[in-house]
Amino acid sequence: MSDDYAQIVQDLYASEINARLEWFYDGGFSVSIGDMLMGWKATNNFRTLAEAVDWLRAEAIKRYPASAFAKKYRQ
C-alpha cells in the first residue's frame, strides 16, 4: 500500500470518521462509511485497494465537509 493510502486511512481515524474496509479472497474490497450503531451512510465494492481508499476519501469529504479530514483533502 502506498504511504498516501496509509495516510488517508490514518487521517480518517484521527478525524474520528468511522469506516470499514474488508476483503474476501477473490471478492474484492468492501468499504463502508459510518458505523453499525448510527448506521452505514454509504457502502461500495471495488476490485482494488486503491479504488476503495479513494472512495473512502471522497465520501468522507462529501459527508463530513467541516471535518479536519475534509479540510486537508478537499481539492
PDB file of N, CA and C in Angstrom:
ATOM      1  N   MET A   1       0.860  -1.175   0.000  1.00  0.00           N
ATOM      2  CA  MET A   1       0.000   0.000   0.000  1.00  0.00           C
ATOM      3  C   MET A   1       0.901   1.231   0.000  1.00  0.00           C
ATOM      4  N   SER A   2       0.546   2.164  -0.784  1.00  0.00           N
ATOM      5  CA  SER A   2       1.314   3.400  -0.844  1.00  0.00           C
ATOM      6  C   SER A   2       1.188   4.151   0.473  1.00  0.00           C
ATOM      7  N   ASP A   3       2.203   4.926   0.791  1.00  0.00           N
ATOM      8  CA  ASP A   3       2.148   5.734   2.002  1.00  0.00           C
ATOM      9  C   ASP A   3       0.972   6.690   1.969  1.00  0.00           C
ATOM     10  N   ASP A   4       0.602   7.154   0.779  1.00  0.00           N
ATOM     11  CA  ASP A   4      -0.529   8.065   0.663  1.00  0.00           C
ATOM     12  C   ASP A   4      -1.815   7.399   1.130  1.00  0.00           C
ATOM     13  N   TYR A   5      -2.028   6.153   0.750  1.00  0.00           N
ATOM     14  CA  TYR A   5      -3.247   5.454   1.159  1.00  0.00           C
ATOM     15  C   TYR A   5      -3.223   5.150   2.648  1.00  0.00           C
ATOM     16  N   ALA A   6      -2.078   4.808   3.166  1.00  0.00           N
ATOM     17  CA  ALA A   6      -1.957   4.596   4.610  1.00  0.00           C
ATOM     18  C   ALA A   6      -2.272   5.891   5.355  1.00  0.00           C
ATOM     19  N   GLN A   7      -1.807   7.010   4.837  1.00  0.00           N
ATOM     20  CA  GLN A   7      -2.060   8.297   5.486  1.00  0.00           C
ATOM     21  C   GLN A   7      -3.537   8.656   5.433  1.00  0.00           C
ATOM     22  N   ILE A   8      -4.192   8.386   4.326  1.00  0.00           N
ATOM     23  CA  ILE A   8      -5.630   8.655   4.220  1.00  0.00           C
ATOM     24  C   ILE A   8      -6.389   7.883   5.290  1.00  0.00           C
ATOM     25  N   VAL A   9      -6.093   6.605   5.432  1.00  0.00           N
ATOM     26  CA  VAL A   9      -6.779   5.779   6.432  1.00  0.00           C
ATOM     27  C   VAL A   9      -6.465   6.296   7.839  1.00  0.00           C
ATOM     28  N   GLN A  10      -5.221   6.629   8.106  1.00  0.00           N
ATOM     29  CA  GLN A  10      -4.847   7.159   9.413  1.00  0.00           C
ATOM     30  C   GLN A  10      -5.556   8.478   9.698  1.00  0.00           C
ATOM     31  N   ASP A  11      -5.658   9.341   8.689  1.00  0.00           N
ATOM     32  CA  ASP A  11      -6.326  10.633   8.873  1.00  0.00           C
ATOM     33  C   ASP A  11      -7.837  10.469   9.073  1.00  0.00           C
ATOM     34  N   LEU A  12      -8.452   9.490   8.424  1.00  0.00           N
ATOM     35  CA  LEU A  12      -9.866   9.192   8.704  1.00  0.00           C
ATOM     36  C   LEU A  12     -10.032   8.844  10.176  1.00  0.00           C
ATOM     37  N   TYR A  13      -9.177   7.976  10.647  1.00  0.00           N
ATOM     38  CA  TYR A  13      -9.207   7.555  12.043  1.00  0.00           C
ATOM     39  C   TYR A  13      -8.996   8.742  12.982  1.00  0.00           C
ATOM     40  N   ALA A  14      -7.987   9.552  12.706  1.00  0.00           N
ATOM     41  CA  ALA A  14      -7.669  10.705  13.552  1.00  0.00           C
ATOM     42  C   ALA A  14      -8.805  11.721  13.582  1.00  0.00           C
ATOM     43  N   SER A  15      -9.556  11.817  12.498  1.00  0.00           N
ATOM     44  CA  SER A  15     -10.683  12.753  12.425  1.00  0.00           C
ATOM     45  C   SER A  15     -11.964  12.168  12.995  1.00  0.00           C
ATOM     46  N   GLU A  16     -11.864  10.954  13.553  1.00  0.00           N
ATOM     47  CA  GLU A  16     -13.000  10.269  14.172  1.00  0.00           C
ATOM     48  C   GLU A  16     -14.131  10.017  13.177  1.00  0.00           C
ATOM     49  N   ILE A  17     -13.764   9.732  11.939  1.00  0.00           N
ATOM     50  CA  ILE A  17     -14.729   9.350  10.909  1.00  0.00           C
ATOM     51  C   ILE A  17     -14.731   7.828  10.851  1.00  0.00           C
ATOM     52  N   ASN A  18     -15.860   7.247  11.183  1.00  0.00           N
ATOM     53  CA  ASN A  18     -15.954   5.787  11.220  1.00  0.00           C
ATOM     54  C   ASN A  18     -16.078   5.216   9.818  1.00  0.00           C
ATOM     55  N   ALA A  19     -15.370   4.128   9.591  1.00  0.00           N
ATOM     56  CA  ALA A  19     -15.396   3.471   8.288  1.00  0.00           C
ATOM     57  C   ALA A  19     -15.053   1.993   8.479  1.00  0.00           C
ATOM     58  N   ARG A  20     -15.323   1.239   7.443  1.00  0.00           N
ATOM     59  CA  ARG A  20     -14.992  -0.183   7.452  1.00  0.00           C
ATOM     60  C   ARG A  20     -14.381  -0.534   6.106  1.00  0.00           C
ATOM     61  N   LEU A  21     -13.319  -1.339   6.154  1.00  0.00           N
ATOM     62  CA  LEU A  21     -12.648  -1.839   4.954  1.00  0.00           C
ATOM     63  C   LEU A  21     -12.414  -3.322   5.175  1.00  0.00           C
ATOM     64  N   GLU A  22     -12.958  -4.135   4.285  1.00  0.00           N
ATOM     65  CA  GLU A  22     -12.772  -5.575   4.417  1.00  0.00           C
ATOM     66  C   GLU A  22     -12.666  -6.206   3.047  1.00  0.00           C
ATOM     67  N   TRP A  23     -12.129  -7.396   3.030  1.00  0.00           N
ATOM     68  CA  TRP A  23     -11.993  -8.103   1.756  1.00  0.00           C
ATOM     69  C   TRP A  23     -12.178  -9.586   1.988  1.00  0.00           C
ATOM     70  N   PHE A  24     -12.495 -10.240   0.918  1.00  0.00           N
ATOM     71  CA  PHE A  24     -12.620 -11.689   0.913  1.00  0.00           C
ATOM     72  C   PHE A  24     -11.946 -12.162  -0.356  1.00  0.00           C
ATOM     73  N   TYR A  25     -11.141 -13.188  -0.240  1.00  0.00           N
ATOM     74  CA  TYR A  25     -10.397 -13.685  -1.386  1.00  0.00           C
ATOM     75  C   TYR A  25     -11.252 -13.704  -2.645  1.00  0.00           C
ATOM     76  N   ASP A  26     -10.746 -13.098  -3.686  1.00  0.00           N
ATOM     77  CA  ASP A  26     -11.367 -13.059  -5.000  1.00  0.00           C
ATOM     78  C   ASP A  26     -12.711 -12.336  -5.021  1.00  0.00           C
ATOM     79  N   GLY A  27     -13.033 -11.636  -3.929  1.00  0.00           N
ATOM     80  CA  GLY A  27     -14.300 -10.916  -3.877  1.00  0.00           C
ATOM     81  C   GLY A  27     -14.140  -9.418  -3.886  1.00  0.00           C
ATOM     82  N   GLY A  28     -12.905  -8.962  -3.968  1.00  0.00           N
ATOM     83  CA  GLY A  28     -12.673  -7.531  -3.967  1.00  0.00           C
ATOM     84  C   GLY A  28     -12.710  -6.947  -2.568  1.00  0.00           C
ATOM     85  N   PHE A  29     -12.800  -5.641  -2.516  1.00  0.00           N
ATOM     86  CA  PHE A  29     -12.786  -4.890  -1.273  1.00  0.00           C
ATOM     87  C   PHE A  29     -14.148  -4.258  -1.040  1.00  0.00           C
ATOM     88  N   SER A  30     -14.689  -4.465   0.142  1.00  0.00           N
ATOM     89  CA  SER A  30     -15.950  -3.834   0.547  1.00  0.00           C
ATOM     90  C   SER A  30     -15.614  -2.693   1.489  1.00  0.00           C
ATOM     91  N   VAL A  31     -16.208  -1.541   1.255  1.00  0.00           N
ATOM     92  CA  VAL A  31     -15.965  -0.376   2.098  1.00  0.00           C
ATOM     93  C   VAL A  31     -17.286   0.247   2.499  1.00  0.00           C
ATOM     94  N   SER A  32     -17.290   0.787   3.699  1.00  0.00           N
ATOM     95  CA  SER A  32     -18.469   1.474   4.214  1.00  0.00           C
ATOM     96  C   SER A  32     -18.001   2.672   5.011  1.00  0.00           C
ATOM     97  N   ILE A  33     -18.819   3.706   5.016  1.00  0.00           N
ATOM     98  CA  ILE A  33     -18.536   4.868   5.852  1.00  0.00           C
ATOM     99  C   ILE A  33     -19.736   5.034   6.774  1.00  0.00           C
ATOM    100  N   GLY A  34     -19.464   5.294   8.025  1.00  0.00           N
ATOM    101  CA  GLY A  34     -20.485   5.302   9.054  1.00  0.00           C
ATOM    102  C   GLY A  34     -20.137   4.238  10.077  1.00  0.00           C
ATOM    103  N   ASP A  35     -21.154   3.700  10.749  1.00  0.00           N
ATOM    104  CA  ASP A  35     -20.897   2.650  11.725  1.00  0.00           C
ATOM    105  C   ASP A  35     -22.166   1.852  11.995  1.00  0.00           C
ATOM    106  N   MET A  36     -22.001   0.743  12.701  1.00  0.00           N
ATOM    107  CA  MET A  36     -23.139  -0.134  12.990  1.00  0.00           C
ATOM    108  C   MET A  36     -24.121   0.517  13.957  1.00  0.00           C
ATOM    109  N   LEU A  37     -23.650   1.347  14.868  1.00  0.00           N
ATOM    110  CA  LEU A  37     -24.512   1.966  15.866  1.00  0.00           C
ATOM    111  C   LEU A  37     -25.409   3.049  15.265  1.00  0.00           C
ATOM    112  N   MET A  38     -24.819   3.947  14.513  1.00  0.00           N
ATOM    113  CA  MET A  38     -25.568   5.079  13.944  1.00  0.00           C
ATOM    114  C   MET A  38     -26.004   4.835  12.502  1.00  0.00           C
ATOM    115  N   GLY A  39     -25.540   3.755  11.932  1.00  0.00           N
ATOM    116  CA  GLY A  39     -25.928   3.400  10.573  1.00  0.00           C
ATOM    117  C   GLY A  39     -24.833   3.669   9.564  1.00  0.00           C
ATOM    118  N   TRP A  40     -24.811   2.833   8.561  1.00  0.00           N
ATOM    119  CA  TRP A  40     -23.858   2.997   7.468  1.00  0.00           C
ATOM    120  C   TRP A  40     -24.403   4.065   6.535  1.00  0.00           C
ATOM    121  N   LYS A  41     -23.619   5.071   6.263  1.00  0.00           N
ATOM    122  CA  LYS A  41     -24.027   6.182   5.387  1.00  0.00           C
ATOM    123  C   LYS A  41     -23.936   5.793   3.919  1.00  0.00           C
ATOM    124  N   ALA A  42     -22.941   4.971   3.589  1.00  0.00           N
ATOM    125  CA  ALA A  42     -22.743   4.537   2.205  1.00  0.00           C
ATOM    126  C   ALA A  42     -21.846   3.305   2.208  1.00  0.00           C
ATOM    127  N   THR A  43     -22.051   2.447   1.232  1.00  0.00           N
ATOM    128  CA  THR A  43     -21.212   1.264   1.068  1.00  0.00           C
ATOM    129  C   THR A  43     -20.927   1.070  -0.416  1.00  0.00           C
ATOM    130  N   ASN A  44     -19.837   0.372  -0.695  1.00  0.00           N
ATOM    131  CA  ASN A  44     -19.495   0.107  -2.088  1.00  0.00           C
ATOM    132  C   ASN A  44     -18.504  -1.050  -2.131  1.00  0.00           C
ATOM    133  N   ASN A  45     -18.265  -1.576  -3.318  1.00  0.00           N
ATOM    134  CA  ASN A  45     -17.308  -2.664  -3.535  1.00  0.00           C
ATOM    135  C   ASN A  45     -16.390  -2.297  -4.687  1.00  0.00           C
ATOM    136  N   PHE A  46     -15.117  -2.689  -4.559  1.00  0.00           N
ATOM    137  CA  PHE A  46     -14.114  -2.368  -5.573  1.00  0.00           C
ATOM    138  C   PHE A  46     -13.185  -3.543  -5.786  1.00  0.00           C
ATOM    139  N   ARG A  47     -12.558  -3.576  -6.938  1.00  0.00           N
ATOM    140  CA  ARG A  47     -11.608  -4.641  -7.261  1.00  0.00           C
ATOM    141  C   ARG A  47     -10.219  -4.366  -6.690  1.00  0.00           C
ATOM    142  N   THR A  48      -9.888  -3.088  -6.463  1.00  0.00           N
ATOM    143  CA  THR A  48      -8.556  -2.761  -5.967  1.00  0.00           C
ATOM    144  C   THR A  48      -8.629  -1.965  -4.665  1.00  0.00           C
ATOM    145  N   LEU A  49      -7.570  -2.084  -3.882  1.00  0.00           N
ATOM    146  CA  LEU A  49      -7.471  -1.320  -2.643  1.00  0.00           C
ATOM    147  C   LEU A  49      -7.411   0.177  -2.934  1.00  0.00           C
ATOM    148  N   ALA A  50      -6.700   0.552  -3.985  1.00  0.00           N
ATOM    149  CA  ALA A  50      -6.588   1.965  -4.344  1.00  0.00           C
ATOM    150  C   ALA A  50      -7.963   2.576  -4.602  1.00  0.00           C
ATOM    151  N   GLU A  51      -8.805   1.881  -5.344  1.00  0.00           N
ATOM    152  CA  GLU A  51     -10.156   2.379  -5.610  1.00  0.00           C
ATOM    153  C   GLU A  51     -10.961   2.494  -4.321  1.00  0.00           C
ATOM    154  N   ALA A  52     -10.812   1.514  -3.438  1.00  0.00           N
ATOM    155  CA  ALA A  52     -11.554   1.516  -2.181  1.00  0.00           C
ATOM    156  C   ALA A  52     -11.174   2.701  -1.300  1.00  0.00           C
ATOM    157  N   VAL A  53      -9.874   2.955  -1.162  1.00  0.00           N
ATOM    158  CA  VAL A  53      -9.422   4.059  -0.321  1.00  0.00           C
ATOM    159  C   VAL A  53      -9.771   5.405  -0.959  1.00  0.00           C
ATOM    160  N   ASP A  54      -9.657   5.514  -2.267  1.00  0.00           N
ATOM    161  CA  ASP A  54     -10.063   6.755  -2.944  1.00  0.00           C
ATOM    162  C   ASP A  54     -11.532   7.051  -2.717  1.00  0.00           C
ATOM    163  N   TRP A  55     -12.353   6.005  -2.742  1.00  0.00           N
ATOM    164  CA  TRP A  55     -13.795   6.175  -2.492  1.00  0.00           C
ATOM    165  C   TRP A  55     -14.034   6.652  -1.065  1.00  0.00           C
ATOM    166  N   LEU A  56     -13.349   6.038  -0.086  1.00  0.00           N
ATOM    167  CA  LEU A  56     -13.499   6.471   1.301  1.00  0.00           C
ATOM    168  C   LEU A  56     -13.128   7.943   1.459  1.00  0.00           C
ATOM    169  N   ARG A  57     -12.045   8.346   0.820  1.00  0.00           N
ATOM    170  CA  ARG A  57     -11.621   9.753   0.881  1.00  0.00           C
ATOM    171  C   ARG A  57     -12.713  10.668   0.338  1.00  0.00           C
ATOM    172  N   ALA A  58     -13.227  10.341  -0.837  1.00  0.00           N
ATOM    173  CA  ALA A  58     -14.250  11.180  -1.472  1.00  0.00           C
ATOM    174  C   ALA A  58     -15.538  11.214  -0.646  1.00  0.00           C
ATOM    175  N   GLU A  59     -15.952  10.082  -0.126  1.00  0.00           N
ATOM    176  CA  GLU A  59     -17.174  10.032   0.687  1.00  0.00           C
ATOM    177  C   GLU A  59     -17.026  10.812   1.981  1.00  0.00           C
ATOM    178  N   ALA A  60     -15.871  10.725   2.615  1.00  0.00           N
ATOM    179  CA  ALA A  60     -15.648  11.465   3.852  1.00  0.00           C
ATOM    180  C   ALA A  60     -15.699  12.969   3.599  1.00  0.00           C
ATOM    181  N   ILE A  61     -15.117  13.407   2.508  1.00  0.00           N
ATOM    182  CA  ILE A  61     -15.156  14.832   2.161  1.00  0.00           C
ATOM    183  C   ILE A  61     -16.599  15.276   1.929  1.00  0.00           C
ATOM    184  N   LYS A  62     -17.359  14.457   1.215  1.00  0.00           N
ATOM    185  CA  LYS A  62     -18.748  14.793   0.892  1.00  0.00           C
ATOM    186  C   LYS A  62     -19.649  14.774   2.130  1.00  0.00           C
ATOM    187  N   ARG A  63     -19.489  13.783   2.971  1.00  0.00           N
ATOM    188  CA  ARG A  63     -20.408  13.589   4.098  1.00  0.00           C
ATOM    189  C   ARG A  63     -19.997  14.322   5.370  1.00  0.00           C
ATOM    190  N   TYR A  64     -18.742  14.684   5.478  1.00  0.00           N
ATOM    191  CA  TYR A  64     -18.235  15.387   6.665  1.00  0.00           C
ATOM    192  C   TYR A  64     -17.424  16.604   6.222  1.00  0.00           C
ATOM    193  N   PRO A  65     -18.067  17.555   5.526  1.00  0.00           N
ATOM    194  CA  PRO A  65     -17.335  18.670   4.916  1.00  0.00           C
ATOM    195  C   PRO A  65     -16.647  19.601   5.916  1.00  0.00           C
ATOM    196  N   ALA A  66     -17.104  19.637   7.159  1.00  0.00           N
ATOM    197  CA  ALA A  66     -16.497  20.525   8.153  1.00  0.00           C
ATOM    198  C   ALA A  66     -15.371  19.850   8.932  1.00  0.00           C
ATOM    199  N   SER A  67     -15.110  18.591   8.655  1.00  0.00           N
ATOM    200  CA  SER A  67     -14.095  17.848   9.393  1.00  0.00           C
ATOM    201  C   SER A  67     -12.687  18.302   9.018  1.00  0.00           C
ATOM    202  N   ALA A  68     -11.752  18.041   9.925  1.00  0.00           N
ATOM    203  CA  ALA A  68     -10.344  18.310   9.634  1.00  0.00           C
ATOM    204  C   ALA A  68      -9.885  17.483   8.436  1.00  0.00           C
ATOM    205  N   PHE A  69     -10.426  16.283   8.306  1.00  0.00           N
ATOM    206  CA  PHE A  69     -10.082  15.419   7.182  1.00  0.00           C
ATOM    207  C   PHE A  69     -10.469  16.093   5.863  1.00  0.00           C
ATOM    208  N   ALA A  70     -11.705  16.570   5.777  1.00  0.00           N
ATOM    209  CA  ALA A  70     -12.173  17.210   4.537  1.00  0.00           C
ATOM    210  C   ALA A  70     -11.362  18.461   4.233  1.00  0.00           C
ATOM    211  N   LYS A  71     -11.036  19.216   5.248  1.00  0.00           N
ATOM    212  CA  LYS A  71     -10.237  20.422   5.022  1.00  0.00           C
ATOM    213  C   LYS A  71      -8.854  20.076   4.465  1.00  0.00           C
ATOM    214  N   LYS A  72      -8.283  18.966   4.927  1.00  0.00           N
ATOM    215  CA  LYS A  72      -6.972  18.562   4.458  1.00  0.00           C
ATOM    216  C   LYS A  72      -7.002  18.021   3.029  1.00  0.00           C
ATOM    217  N   TYR A  73      -8.051  17.227   2.690  1.00  0.00           N
ATOM    218  CA  TYR A  73      -8.063  16.517   1.428  1.00  0.00           C
ATOM    219  C   TYR A  73      -8.946  17.137   0.336  1.00  0.00           C
ATOM    220  N   ARG A  74      -9.707  18.161   0.683  1.00  0.00           N
ATOM    221  CA  ARG A  74     -10.538  18.811  -0.331  1.00  0.00           C
ATOM    222  C   ARG A  74      -9.640  19.450  -1.370  1.00  0.00           C
ATOM    223  N   GLN A  75     -10.011  19.273  -2.643  1.00  0.00           N
ATOM    224  CA  GLN A  75      -9.171  19.821  -3.709  1.00  0.00           C
ATOM    225  C   GLN A  75      -9.830  20.968  -4.393  1.00  0.00           C
TER     226      GLN A  75
END
